[in-house]
């Protein structure tokens, strides 16, 4: 059983690192959005692995909250992308300086 847990933890670390690298390196807002979703998936796998190792349901409930946050993020994020594209004609993150005065 220990070998399976280490495989799942390694998978979750790899997913999180791929998502973090993509979120930092990419310029397209949709790609950054998808990389954040990959990071959430990696964290979910880690929670389930630790939950199975400890024979508790706490990690499973955390994954349900992660899925709810991911769904809300998808709805709000895609709406923001549509508005950004309508207003500016692009979703390239380097073109936006909305927080500047």
PDB file of N, CA and C in Angstrom:
ATOM      1  N   UNK A   1       0.814  -1.194   0.000  1.00  0.00           N
ATOM      2  CA  UNK A   1       0.000   0.000   0.000  1.00  0.00           C
ATOM      3  C   UNK A   1       0.856   1.255   0.000  1.00  0.00           C
ATOM      4  N   UNK A   2       2.019   1.211   0.612  1.00  0.00           N
ATOM      5  CA  UNK A   2       2.888   2.379   0.673  1.00  0.00           C
ATOM      6  C   UNK A   2       3.363   2.781  -0.719  1.00  0.00           C
ATOM      7  N   UNK A   3       3.650   1.796  -1.576  1.00  0.00           N
ATOM      8  CA  UNK A   3       4.121   2.104  -2.914  1.00  0.00           C
ATOM      9  C   UNK A   3       3.069   2.856  -3.713  1.00  0.00           C
ATOM     10  N   UNK A   4       1.809   2.454  -3.566  1.00  0.00           N
ATOM     11  CA  UNK A   4       0.737   3.129  -4.279  1.00  0.00           C
ATOM     12  C   UNK A   4       0.579   4.567  -3.796  1.00  0.00           C
ATOM     13  N   UNK A   5       0.732   4.778  -2.503  1.00  0.00           N
ATOM     14  CA  UNK A   5       0.604   6.137  -1.981  1.00  0.00           C
ATOM     15  C   UNK A   5       1.708   7.020  -2.512  1.00  0.00           C
ATOM     16  N   UNK A   6       2.915   6.507  -2.581  1.00  0.00           N
ATOM     17  CA  UNK A   6       4.011   7.330  -3.075  1.00  0.00           C
ATOM     18  C   UNK A   6       3.835   7.642  -4.554  1.00  0.00           C
ATOM     19  N   UNK A   7       3.253   6.720  -5.308  1.00  0.00           N
ATOM     20  CA  UNK A   7       2.987   6.992  -6.728  1.00  0.00           C
ATOM     21  C   UNK A   7       1.963   8.112  -6.864  1.00  0.00           C
ATOM     22  N   UNK A   8       0.914   8.058  -6.068  1.00  0.00           N
ATOM     23  CA  UNK A   8      -0.110   9.098  -6.146  1.00  0.00           C
ATOM     24  C   UNK A   8       0.422  10.451  -5.673  1.00  0.00           C
ATOM     25  N   UNK A   9       1.241  10.435  -4.647  1.00  0.00           N
ATOM     26  CA  UNK A   9       1.838  11.695  -4.191  1.00  0.00           C
ATOM     27  C   UNK A   9       2.798  12.255  -5.231  1.00  0.00           C
ATOM     28  N   UNK A  10       3.559  11.386  -5.879  1.00  0.00           N
ATOM     29  CA  UNK A  10       4.454  11.848  -6.947  1.00  0.00           C
ATOM     30  C   UNK A  10       3.642  12.432  -8.104  1.00  0.00           C
ATOM     31  N   UNK A  11       2.532  11.798  -8.435  1.00  0.00           N
ATOM     32  CA  UNK A  11       1.662  12.324  -9.487  1.00  0.00           C
ATOM     33  C   UNK A  11       1.112  13.691  -9.109  1.00  0.00           C
ATOM     34  N   UNK A  12       0.694  13.851  -7.865  1.00  0.00           N
ATOM     35  CA  UNK A  12       0.149  15.143  -7.441  1.00  0.00           C
ATOM     36  C   UNK A  12       1.218  16.229  -7.464  1.00  0.00           C
ATOM     37  N   UNK A  13       2.459  15.885  -7.079  1.00  0.00           N
ATOM     38  CA  UNK A  13       3.552  16.865  -7.129  1.00  0.00           C
ATOM     39  C   UNK A  13       3.859  17.247  -8.565  1.00  0.00           C
ATOM     40  N   UNK A  14       3.885  16.272  -9.461  1.00  0.00           N
ATOM     41  CA  UNK A  14       4.168  16.559 -10.871  1.00  0.00           C
ATOM     42  C   UNK A  14       3.082  17.446 -11.459  1.00  0.00           C
ATOM     43  N   UNK A  15       1.830  17.152 -11.173  1.00  0.00           N
ATOM     44  CA  UNK A  15       0.733  17.987 -11.668  1.00  0.00           C
ATOM     45  C   UNK A  15       0.826  19.406 -11.125  1.00  0.00           C
ATOM     46  N   UNK A  16       1.139  19.530  -9.851  1.00  0.00           N
ATOM     47  CA  UNK A  16       1.230  20.863  -9.257  1.00  0.00           C
ATOM     48  C   UNK A  16       2.388  21.646  -9.868  1.00  0.00           C
ATOM     49  N   UNK A  17       3.524  20.998 -10.086  1.00  0.00           N
ATOM     50  CA  UNK A  17       4.675  21.696 -10.669  1.00  0.00           C
ATOM     51  C   UNK A  17       4.397  22.096 -12.110  1.00  0.00           C
ATOM     52  N   UNK A  18       3.770  21.221 -12.890  1.00  0.00           N
ATOM     53  CA  UNK A  18       3.418  21.574 -14.264  1.00  0.00           C
ATOM     54  C   UNK A  18       2.457  22.754 -14.280  1.00  0.00           C
ATOM     55  N   UNK A  19       1.470  22.725 -13.409  1.00  0.00           N
ATOM     56  CA  UNK A  19       0.516  23.835 -13.344  1.00  0.00           C
ATOM     57  C   UNK A  19       1.159  25.130 -12.909  1.00  0.00           C
ATOM     58  N   UNK A  20       2.044  25.079 -11.919  1.00  0.00           N
ATOM     59  CA  UNK A  20       2.708  26.293 -11.446  1.00  0.00           C
ATOM     60  C   UNK A  20       3.632  26.855 -12.516  1.00  0.00           C
ATOM     61  N   UNK A  21       4.379  25.995 -13.197  1.00  0.00           N
ATOM     62  CA  UNK A  21       5.271  26.469 -14.259  1.00  0.00           C
ATOM     63  C   UNK A  21       4.476  27.078 -15.403  1.00  0.00           C
ATOM     64  N   UNK A  22       3.366  26.454 -15.760  1.00  0.00           N
ATOM     65  CA  UNK A  22       2.529  27.006 -16.823  1.00  0.00           C
ATOM     66  C   UNK A  22       1.890  28.326 -16.443  1.00  0.00           C
ATOM     67  N   UNK A  23       1.483  28.460 -15.194  1.00  0.00           N
ATOM     68  CA  UNK A  23       0.856  29.710 -14.753  1.00  0.00           C
ATOM     69  C   UNK A  23       1.859  30.853 -14.717  1.00  0.00           C
ATOM     70  N   UNK A  24       3.120  30.552 -14.425  1.00  0.00           N
ATOM     71  CA  UNK A  24       4.136  31.603 -14.362  1.00  0.00           C
ATOM     72  C   UNK A  24       4.653  31.963 -15.752  1.00  0.00           C
ATOM     73  N   UNK A  25       4.803  30.975 -16.613  1.00  0.00           N
ATOM     74  CA  UNK A  25       5.475  31.192 -17.901  1.00  0.00           C
ATOM     75  C   UNK A  25       4.545  31.643 -19.017  1.00  0.00           C
ATOM     76  N   UNK A  26       3.311  31.310 -18.976  1.00  0.00           N
ATOM     77  CA  UNK A  26       2.411  31.595 -20.090  1.00  0.00           C
ATOM     78  C   UNK A  26       1.852  33.007 -20.030  1.00  0.00           C
ATOM     79  N   UNK A  27       1.427  33.500 -21.191  1.00  0.00           N
ATOM     80  CA  UNK A  27       0.866  34.846 -21.299  1.00  0.00           C
ATOM     81  C   UNK A  27      -0.635  34.849 -21.586  1.00  0.00           C
ATOM     82  N   UNK A  28      -1.132  33.765 -22.145  1.00  0.00           N
ATOM     83  CA  UNK A  28      -2.543  33.681 -22.482  1.00  0.00           C
ATOM     84  C   UNK A  28      -3.352  33.414 -21.218  1.00  0.00           C
ATOM     85  N   UNK A  29      -4.413  34.163 -21.026  1.00  0.00           N
ATOM     86  CA  UNK A  29      -5.199  34.066 -19.805  1.00  0.00           C
ATOM     87  C   UNK A  29      -5.897  32.714 -19.679  1.00  0.00           C
ATOM     88  N   UNK A  30      -6.336  32.143 -20.785  1.00  0.00           N
ATOM     89  CA  UNK A  30      -7.026  30.861 -20.723  1.00  0.00           C
ATOM     90  C   UNK A  30      -6.050  29.748 -20.351  1.00  0.00           C
ATOM     91  N   UNK A  31      -4.820  29.812 -20.856  1.00  0.00           N
ATOM     92  CA  UNK A  31      -3.821  28.806 -20.512  1.00  0.00           C
ATOM     93  C   UNK A  31      -3.454  28.913 -19.031  1.00  0.00           C
ATOM     94  N   UNK A  32      -3.317  30.132 -18.525  1.00  0.00           N
ATOM     95  CA  UNK A  32      -3.042  30.321 -17.100  1.00  0.00           C
ATOM     96  C   UNK A  32      -4.195  29.774 -16.269  1.00  0.00           C
ATOM     97  N   UNK A  33      -5.398  30.014 -16.719  1.00  0.00           N
ATOM     98  CA  UNK A  33      -6.593  29.502 -16.051  1.00  0.00           C
ATOM     99  C   UNK A  33      -6.579  27.970 -16.003  1.00  0.00           C
ATOM    100  N   UNK A  34      -6.240  27.322 -17.116  1.00  0.00           N
ATOM    101  CA  UNK A  34      -6.179  25.869 -17.157  1.00  0.00           C
ATOM    102  C   UNK A  34      -5.055  25.344 -16.272  1.00  0.00           C
ATOM    103  N   UNK A  35      -3.937  26.062 -16.186  1.00  0.00           N
ATOM    104  CA  UNK A  35      -2.837  25.635 -15.318  1.00  0.00           C
ATOM    105  C   UNK A  35      -3.236  25.708 -13.850  1.00  0.00           C
ATOM    106  N   UNK A  36      -4.025  26.691 -13.483  1.00  0.00           N
ATOM    107  CA  UNK A  36      -4.520  26.767 -12.111  1.00  0.00           C
ATOM    108  C   UNK A  36      -5.454  25.594 -11.825  1.00  0.00           C
ATOM    109  N   UNK A  37      -6.242  25.197 -12.804  1.00  0.00           N
ATOM    110  CA  UNK A  37      -7.102  24.025 -12.631  1.00  0.00           C
ATOM    111  C   UNK A  37      -6.269  22.751 -12.470  1.00  0.00           C
ATOM    112  N   UNK A  38      -5.160  22.647 -13.196  1.00  0.00           N
ATOM    113  CA  UNK A  38      -4.272  21.491 -13.042  1.00  0.00           C
ATOM    114  C   UNK A  38      -3.684  21.473 -11.632  1.00  0.00           C
ATOM    115  N   UNK A  39      -3.311  22.637 -11.118  1.00  0.00           N
ATOM    116  CA  UNK A  39      -2.788  22.710  -9.754  1.00  0.00           C
ATOM    117  C   UNK A  39      -3.836  22.256  -8.740  1.00  0.00           C
ATOM    118  N   UNK A  40      -5.076  22.672  -8.929  1.00  0.00           N
ATOM    119  CA  UNK A  40      -6.144  22.233  -8.028  1.00  0.00           C
ATOM    120  C   UNK A  40      -6.343  20.715  -8.106  1.00  0.00           C
ATOM    121  N   UNK A  41      -6.200  20.138  -9.288  1.00  0.00           N
ATOM    122  CA  UNK A  41      -6.303  18.688  -9.434  1.00  0.00           C
ATOM    123  C   UNK A  41      -5.194  17.963  -8.690  1.00  0.00           C
ATOM    124  N   UNK A  42      -3.982  18.505  -8.753  1.00  0.00           N
ATOM    125  CA  UNK A  42      -2.868  17.908  -8.018  1.00  0.00           C
ATOM    126  C   UNK A  42      -3.083  17.951  -6.519  1.00  0.00           C
ATOM    127  N   UNK A  43      -3.593  19.059  -6.035  1.00  0.00           N
ATOM    128  CA  UNK A  43      -3.878  19.179  -4.601  1.00  0.00           C
ATOM    129  C   UNK A  43      -4.992  18.213  -4.193  1.00  0.00           C
ATOM    130  N   UNK A  44      -5.976  18.048  -5.057  1.00  0.00           N
ATOM    131  CA  UNK A  44      -7.056  17.098  -4.770  1.00  0.00           C
ATOM    132  C   UNK A  44      -6.555  15.669  -4.668  1.00  0.00           C
ATOM    133  N   UNK A  45      -5.646  15.289  -5.568  1.00  0.00           N
ATOM    134  CA  UNK A  45      -5.075  13.945  -5.505  1.00  0.00           C
ATOM    135  C   UNK A  45      -4.300  13.747  -4.204  1.00  0.00           C
ATOM    136  N   UNK A  46      -3.561  14.765  -3.784  1.00  0.00           N
ATOM    137  CA  UNK A  46      -2.810  14.660  -2.529  1.00  0.00           C
ATOM    138  C   UNK A  46      -3.761  14.512  -1.336  1.00  0.00           C
ATOM    139  N   UNK A  47      -4.852  15.283  -1.327  1.00  0.00           N
ATOM    140  CA  UNK A  47      -5.819  15.165  -0.227  1.00  0.00           C
ATOM    141  C   UNK A  47      -6.431  13.769  -0.170  1.00  0.00           C
ATOM    142  N   UNK A  48      -6.798  13.219  -1.317  1.00  0.00           N
ATOM    143  CA  UNK A  48      -7.390  11.879  -1.339  1.00  0.00           C
ATOM    144  C   UNK A  48      -6.375  10.839  -0.881  1.00  0.00           C
ATOM    145  N   UNK A  49      -5.117  10.989  -1.297  1.00  0.00           N
ATOM    146  CA  UNK A  49      -4.081  10.038  -0.894  1.00  0.00           C
ATOM    147  C   UNK A  49      -3.884  10.058   0.615  1.00  0.00           C
ATOM    148  N   UNK A  50      -3.773  11.252   1.194  1.00  0.00           N
ATOM    149  CA  UNK A  50      -3.600  11.331   2.645  1.00  0.00           C
ATOM    150  C   UNK A  50      -4.850  10.854   3.392  1.00  0.00           C
ATOM    151  N   UNK A  51      -6.013  11.084   2.807  1.00  0.00           N
ATOM    152  CA  UNK A  51      -7.244  10.617   3.427  1.00  0.00           C
ATOM    153  C   UNK A  51      -7.298   9.090   3.451  1.00  0.00           C
ATOM    154  N   UNK A  52      -6.890   8.466   2.341  1.00  0.00           N
ATOM    155  CA  UNK A  52      -6.871   6.999   2.304  1.00  0.00           C
ATOM    156  C   UNK A  52      -5.811   6.423   3.238  1.00  0.00           C
ATOM    157  N   UNK A  53      -4.685   7.119   3.386  1.00  0.00           N
ATOM    158  CA  UNK A  53      -3.619   6.624   4.259  1.00  0.00           C
ATOM    159  C   UNK A  53      -4.040   6.677   5.722  1.00  0.00           C
ATOM    160  N   UNK A  54      -4.803   7.692   6.087  1.00  0.00           N
ATOM    161  CA  UNK A  54      -5.223   7.856   7.485  1.00  0.00           C
ATOM    162  C   UNK A  54      -6.595   7.240   7.774  1.00  0.00           C
ATOM    163  N   UNK A  55      -7.208   6.626   6.785  1.00  0.00           N
ATOM    164  CA  UNK A  55      -8.520   6.003   6.944  1.00  0.00           C
ATOM    165  C   UNK A  55      -9.557   6.982   7.490  1.00  0.00           C
ATOM    166  N   UNK A  56      -9.575   8.187   6.934  1.00  0.00           N
ATOM    167  CA  UNK A  56     -10.567   9.183   7.339  1.00  0.00           C
ATOM    168  C   UNK A  56     -11.217   9.769   6.099  1.00  0.00           C
ATOM    169  N   UNK A  57     -12.278  10.497   6.314  1.00  0.00           N
ATOM    170  CA  UNK A  57     -12.994  11.128   5.203  1.00  0.00           C
ATOM    171  C   UNK A  57     -12.713  12.621   5.097  1.00  0.00           C
ATOM    172  N   UNK A  58     -11.809  13.133   5.900  1.00  0.00           N
ATOM    173  CA  UNK A  58     -11.545  14.568   5.888  1.00  0.00           C
ATOM    174  C   UNK A  58     -11.005  15.034   4.532  1.00  0.00           C
ATOM    175  N   UNK A  59     -10.115  14.266   3.940  1.00  0.00           N
ATOM    176  CA  UNK A  59      -9.551  14.642   2.644  1.00  0.00           C
ATOM    177  C   UNK A  59     -10.585  14.622   1.539  1.00  0.00           C
ATOM    178  N   UNK A  60     -11.527  13.683   1.632  1.00  0.00           N
ATOM    179  CA  UNK A  60     -12.587  13.599   0.625  1.00  0.00           C
ATOM    180  C   UNK A  60     -13.474  14.842   0.684  1.00  0.00           C
ATOM    181  N   UNK A  61     -13.785  15.294   1.892  1.00  0.00           N
ATOM    182  CA  UNK A  61     -14.590  16.506   2.019  1.00  0.00           C
ATOM    183  C   UNK A  61     -13.840  17.732   1.513  1.00  0.00           C
ATOM    184  N   UNK A  62     -12.527  17.761   1.724  1.00  0.00           N
ATOM    185  CA  UNK A  62     -11.725  18.869   1.198  1.00  0.00           C
ATOM    186  C   UNK A  62     -11.735  18.861  -0.332  1.00  0.00           C
ATOM    187  N   UNK A  63     -11.710  17.686  -0.928  1.00  0.00           N
ATOM    188  CA  UNK A  63     -11.760  17.590  -2.386  1.00  0.00           C
ATOM    189  C   UNK A  63     -13.103  18.088  -2.905  1.00  0.00           C
ATOM    190  N   UNK A  64     -14.169  17.829  -2.178  1.00  0.00           N
ATOM    191  CA  UNK A  64     -15.467  18.369  -2.597  1.00  0.00           C
ATOM    192  C   UNK A  64     -15.459  19.892  -2.580  1.00  0.00           C
ATOM    193  N   UNK A  65     -14.819  20.488  -1.581  1.00  0.00           N
ATOM    194  CA  UNK A  65     -14.698  21.949  -1.548  1.00  0.00           C
ATOM    195  C   UNK A  65     -13.805  22.453  -2.681  1.00  0.00           C
ATOM    196  N   UNK A  66     -12.743  21.716  -2.986  1.00  0.00           N
ATOM    197  CA  UNK A  66     -11.871  22.099  -4.097  1.00  0.00           C
ATOM    198  C   UNK A  66     -12.642  22.064  -5.408  1.00  0.00           C
ATOM    199  N   UNK A  67     -13.474  21.052  -5.582  1.00  0.00           N
ATOM    200  CA  UNK A  67     -14.267  20.966  -6.806  1.00  0.00           C
ATOM    201  C   UNK A  67     -15.278  22.102  -6.897  1.00  0.00           C
ATOM    202  N   UNK A  68     -15.851  22.499  -5.764  1.00  0.00           N
ATOM    203  CA  UNK A  68     -16.789  23.622  -5.764  1.00  0.00           C
ATOM    204  C   UNK A  68     -16.071  24.921  -6.113  1.00  0.00           C
ATOM    205  N   UNK A  69     -14.874  25.104  -5.563  1.00  0.00           N
ATOM    206  CA  UNK A  69     -14.097  26.307  -5.880  1.00  0.00           C
ATOM    207  C   UNK A  69     -13.702  26.309  -7.352  1.00  0.00           C
ATOM    208  N   UNK A  70     -13.325  25.157  -7.889  1.00  0.00           N
ATOM    209  CA  UNK A  70     -12.949  25.069  -9.299  1.00  0.00           C
ATOM    210  C   UNK A  70     -14.133  25.385 -10.208  1.00  0.00           C
ATOM    211  N   UNK A  71     -15.318  24.930  -9.840  1.00  0.00           N
ATOM    212  CA  UNK A  71     -16.500  25.224 -10.645  1.00  0.00           C
ATOM    213  C   UNK A  71     -16.840  26.706 -10.606  1.00  0.00           C
ATOM    214  N   UNK A  72     -16.755  27.301  -9.430  1.00  0.00           N
ATOM    215  CA  UNK A  72     -17.018  28.743  -9.324  1.00  0.00           C
ATOM    216  C   UNK A  72     -15.952  29.536 -10.069  1.00  0.00           C
ATOM    217  N   UNK A  73     -14.715  29.091  -9.982  1.00  0.00           N
ATOM    218  CA  UNK A  73     -13.634  29.769 -10.692  1.00  0.00           C
ATOM    219  C   UNK A  73     -13.850  29.684 -12.199  1.00  0.00           C
ATOM    220  N   UNK A  74     -14.301  28.552 -12.670  1.00  0.00           N
ATOM    221  CA  UNK A  74     -14.547  28.394 -14.099  1.00  0.00           C
ATOM    222  C   UNK A  74     -15.650  29.341 -14.568  1.00  0.00           C
ATOM    223  N   UNK A  75     -16.725  29.423 -13.822  1.00  0.00           N
ATOM    224  CA  UNK A  75     -17.832  30.287 -14.222  1.00  0.00           C
ATOM    225  C   UNK A  75     -17.431  31.758 -14.214  1.00  0.00           C
ATOM    226  N   UNK A  76     -16.821  32.199 -13.134  1.00  0.00           N
ATOM    227  CA  UNK A  76     -16.441  33.609 -13.017  1.00  0.00           C
ATOM    228  C   UNK A  76     -15.282  33.938 -13.943  1.00  0.00           C
ATOM    229  N   UNK A  77     -14.287  33.046 -14.007  1.00  0.00           N
ATOM    230  CA  UNK A  77     -13.120  33.310 -14.849  1.00  0.00           C
ATOM    231  C   UNK A  77     -13.461  33.400 -16.313  1.00  0.00           C
ATOM    232  N   UNK A  78     -14.277  32.497 -16.816  1.00  0.00           N
ATOM    233  CA  UNK A  78     -14.648  32.559 -18.223  1.00  0.00           C
ATOM    234  C   UNK A  78     -15.499  33.774 -18.536  1.00  0.00           C
ATOM    235  N   UNK A  79     -16.333  34.196 -17.612  1.00  0.00           N
ATOM    236  CA  UNK A  79     -17.103  35.422 -17.822  1.00  0.00           C
ATOM    237  C   UNK A  79     -16.176  36.640 -17.892  1.00  0.00           C
ATOM    238  N   UNK A  80     -15.167  36.665 -17.035  1.00  0.00           N
ATOM    239  CA  UNK A  80     -14.202  37.769 -17.072  1.00  0.00           C
ATOM    240  C   UNK A  80     -13.422  37.756 -18.381  1.00  0.00           C
ATOM    241  N   UNK A  81     -13.051  36.568 -18.874  1.00  0.00           N
ATOM    242  CA  UNK A  81     -12.322  36.488 -20.138  1.00  0.00           C
ATOM    243  C   UNK A  81     -13.158  36.991 -21.302  1.00  0.00           C
ATOM    244  N   UNK A  82     -14.442  36.659 -21.300  1.00  0.00           N
ATOM    245  CA  UNK A  82     -15.325  37.139 -22.375  1.00  0.00           C
ATOM    246  C   UNK A  82     -15.419  38.659 -22.339  1.00  0.00           C
ATOM    247  N   UNK A  83     -15.565  39.232 -21.144  1.00  0.00           N
ATOM    248  CA  UNK A  83     -15.633  40.690 -21.033  1.00  0.00           C
ATOM    249  C   UNK A  83     -14.318  41.355 -21.429  1.00  0.00           C
ATOM    250  N   UNK A  84     -13.189  40.752 -21.053  1.00  0.00           N
ATOM    251  CA  UNK A  84     -11.891  41.305 -21.437  1.00  0.00           C
ATOM    252  C   UNK A  84     -11.719  41.274 -22.948  1.00  0.00           C
ATOM    253  N   UNK A  85     -12.144  40.200 -23.577  1.00  0.00           N
ATOM    254  CA  UNK A  85     -12.010  40.096 -25.019  1.00  0.00           C
ATOM    255  C   UNK A  85     -12.921  41.091 -25.731  1.00  0.00           C
ATOM    256  N   UNK A  86     -14.129  41.269 -25.216  1.00  0.00           N
ATOM    257  CA  UNK A  86     -15.038  42.238 -25.836  1.00  0.00           C
ATOM    258  C   UNK A  86     -14.528  43.665 -25.701  1.00  0.00           C
ATOM    259  N   UNK A  87     -13.938  43.982 -24.574  1.00  0.00           N
ATOM    260  CA  UNK A  87     -13.495  45.359 -24.333  1.00  0.00           C
ATOM    261  C   UNK A  87     -12.171  45.669 -25.030  1.00  0.00           C
ATOM    262  N   UNK A  88     -11.211  44.728 -24.979  1.00  0.00           N
ATOM    263  CA  UNK A  88      -9.862  45.009 -25.465  1.00  0.00           C
ATOM    264  C   UNK A  88      -9.508  44.262 -26.737  1.00  0.00           C
ATOM    265  N   UNK A  89     -10.250  43.241 -27.107  1.00  0.00           N
ATOM    266  CA  UNK A  89      -9.963  42.491 -28.315  1.00  0.00           C
ATOM    267  C   UNK A  89      -8.885  41.429 -28.154  1.00  0.00           C
ATOM    268  N   UNK A  90      -8.386  41.232 -26.965  1.00  0.00           N
ATOM    269  CA  UNK A  90      -7.372  40.221 -26.707  1.00  0.00           C
ATOM    270  C   UNK A  90      -7.482  39.754 -25.256  1.00  0.00           C
ATOM    271  N   UNK A  91      -6.913  38.575 -25.002  1.00  0.00           N
ATOM    272  CA  UNK A  91      -6.842  38.098 -23.620  1.00  0.00           C
ATOM    273  C   UNK A  91      -5.394  37.851 -23.222  1.00  0.00           C
ATOM    274  N   UNK A  92      -4.478  38.511 -23.904  1.00  0.00           N
ATOM    275  CA  UNK A  92      -3.063  38.421 -23.560  1.00  0.00           C
ATOM    276  C   UNK A  92      -2.821  39.191 -22.266  1.00  0.00           C
ATOM    277  N   UNK A  93      -2.243  38.529 -21.276  1.00  0.00           N
ATOM    278  CA  UNK A  93      -2.093  39.129 -19.950  1.00  0.00           C
ATOM    279  C   UNK A  93      -1.097  40.282 -19.923  1.00  0.00           C
ATOM    280  N   UNK A  94      -0.163  40.326 -20.871  1.00  0.00           N
ATOM    281  CA  UNK A  94       0.796  41.435 -20.903  1.00  0.00           C
ATOM    282  C   UNK A  94       0.156  42.748 -21.341  1.00  0.00           C
ATOM    283  N   UNK A  95      -0.981  42.681 -22.004  1.00  0.00           N
ATOM    284  CA  UNK A  95      -1.644  43.884 -22.505  1.00  0.00           C
ATOM    285  C   UNK A  95      -2.491  44.585 -21.449  1.00  0.00           C
ATOM    286  N   UNK A  96      -2.685  43.947 -20.305  1.00  0.00           N
ATOM    287  CA  UNK A  96      -3.583  44.496 -19.302  1.00  0.00           C
ATOM    288  C   UNK A  96      -2.812  45.120 -18.157  1.00  0.00           C
ATOM    289  N   UNK A  97      -3.185  46.327 -17.842  1.00  0.00           N
ATOM    290  CA  UNK A  97      -2.675  47.023 -16.667  1.00  0.00           C
ATOM    291  C   UNK A  97      -3.868  47.688 -15.979  1.00  0.00           C
ATOM    292  N   UNK A  98      -4.868  46.895 -15.652  1.00  0.00           N
ATOM    293  CA  UNK A  98      -6.115  47.405 -15.110  1.00  0.00           C
ATOM    294  C   UNK A  98      -5.982  47.977 -13.710  1.00  0.00           C
ATOM    295  N   UNK A  99      -4.924  47.617 -12.973  1.00  0.00           N
ATOM    296  CA  UNK A  99      -4.765  48.084 -11.603  1.00  0.00           C
ATOM    297  C   UNK A  99      -3.954  49.370 -11.514  1.00  0.00           C
ATOM    298  N   UNK A 100      -3.451  49.847 -12.639  1.00  0.00           N
ATOM    299  CA  UNK A 100      -2.699  51.104 -12.631  1.00  0.00           C
ATOM    300  C   UNK A 100      -3.660  52.280 -12.650  1.00  0.00           C
ATOM    301  N   UNK A 101      -3.223  53.388 -12.083  1.00  0.00           N
ATOM    302  CA  UNK A 101      -4.055  54.588 -12.043  1.00  0.00           C
ATOM    303  C   UNK A 101      -4.006  55.241 -13.339  1.00  0.00           C
TER     304      UNK A 101
END
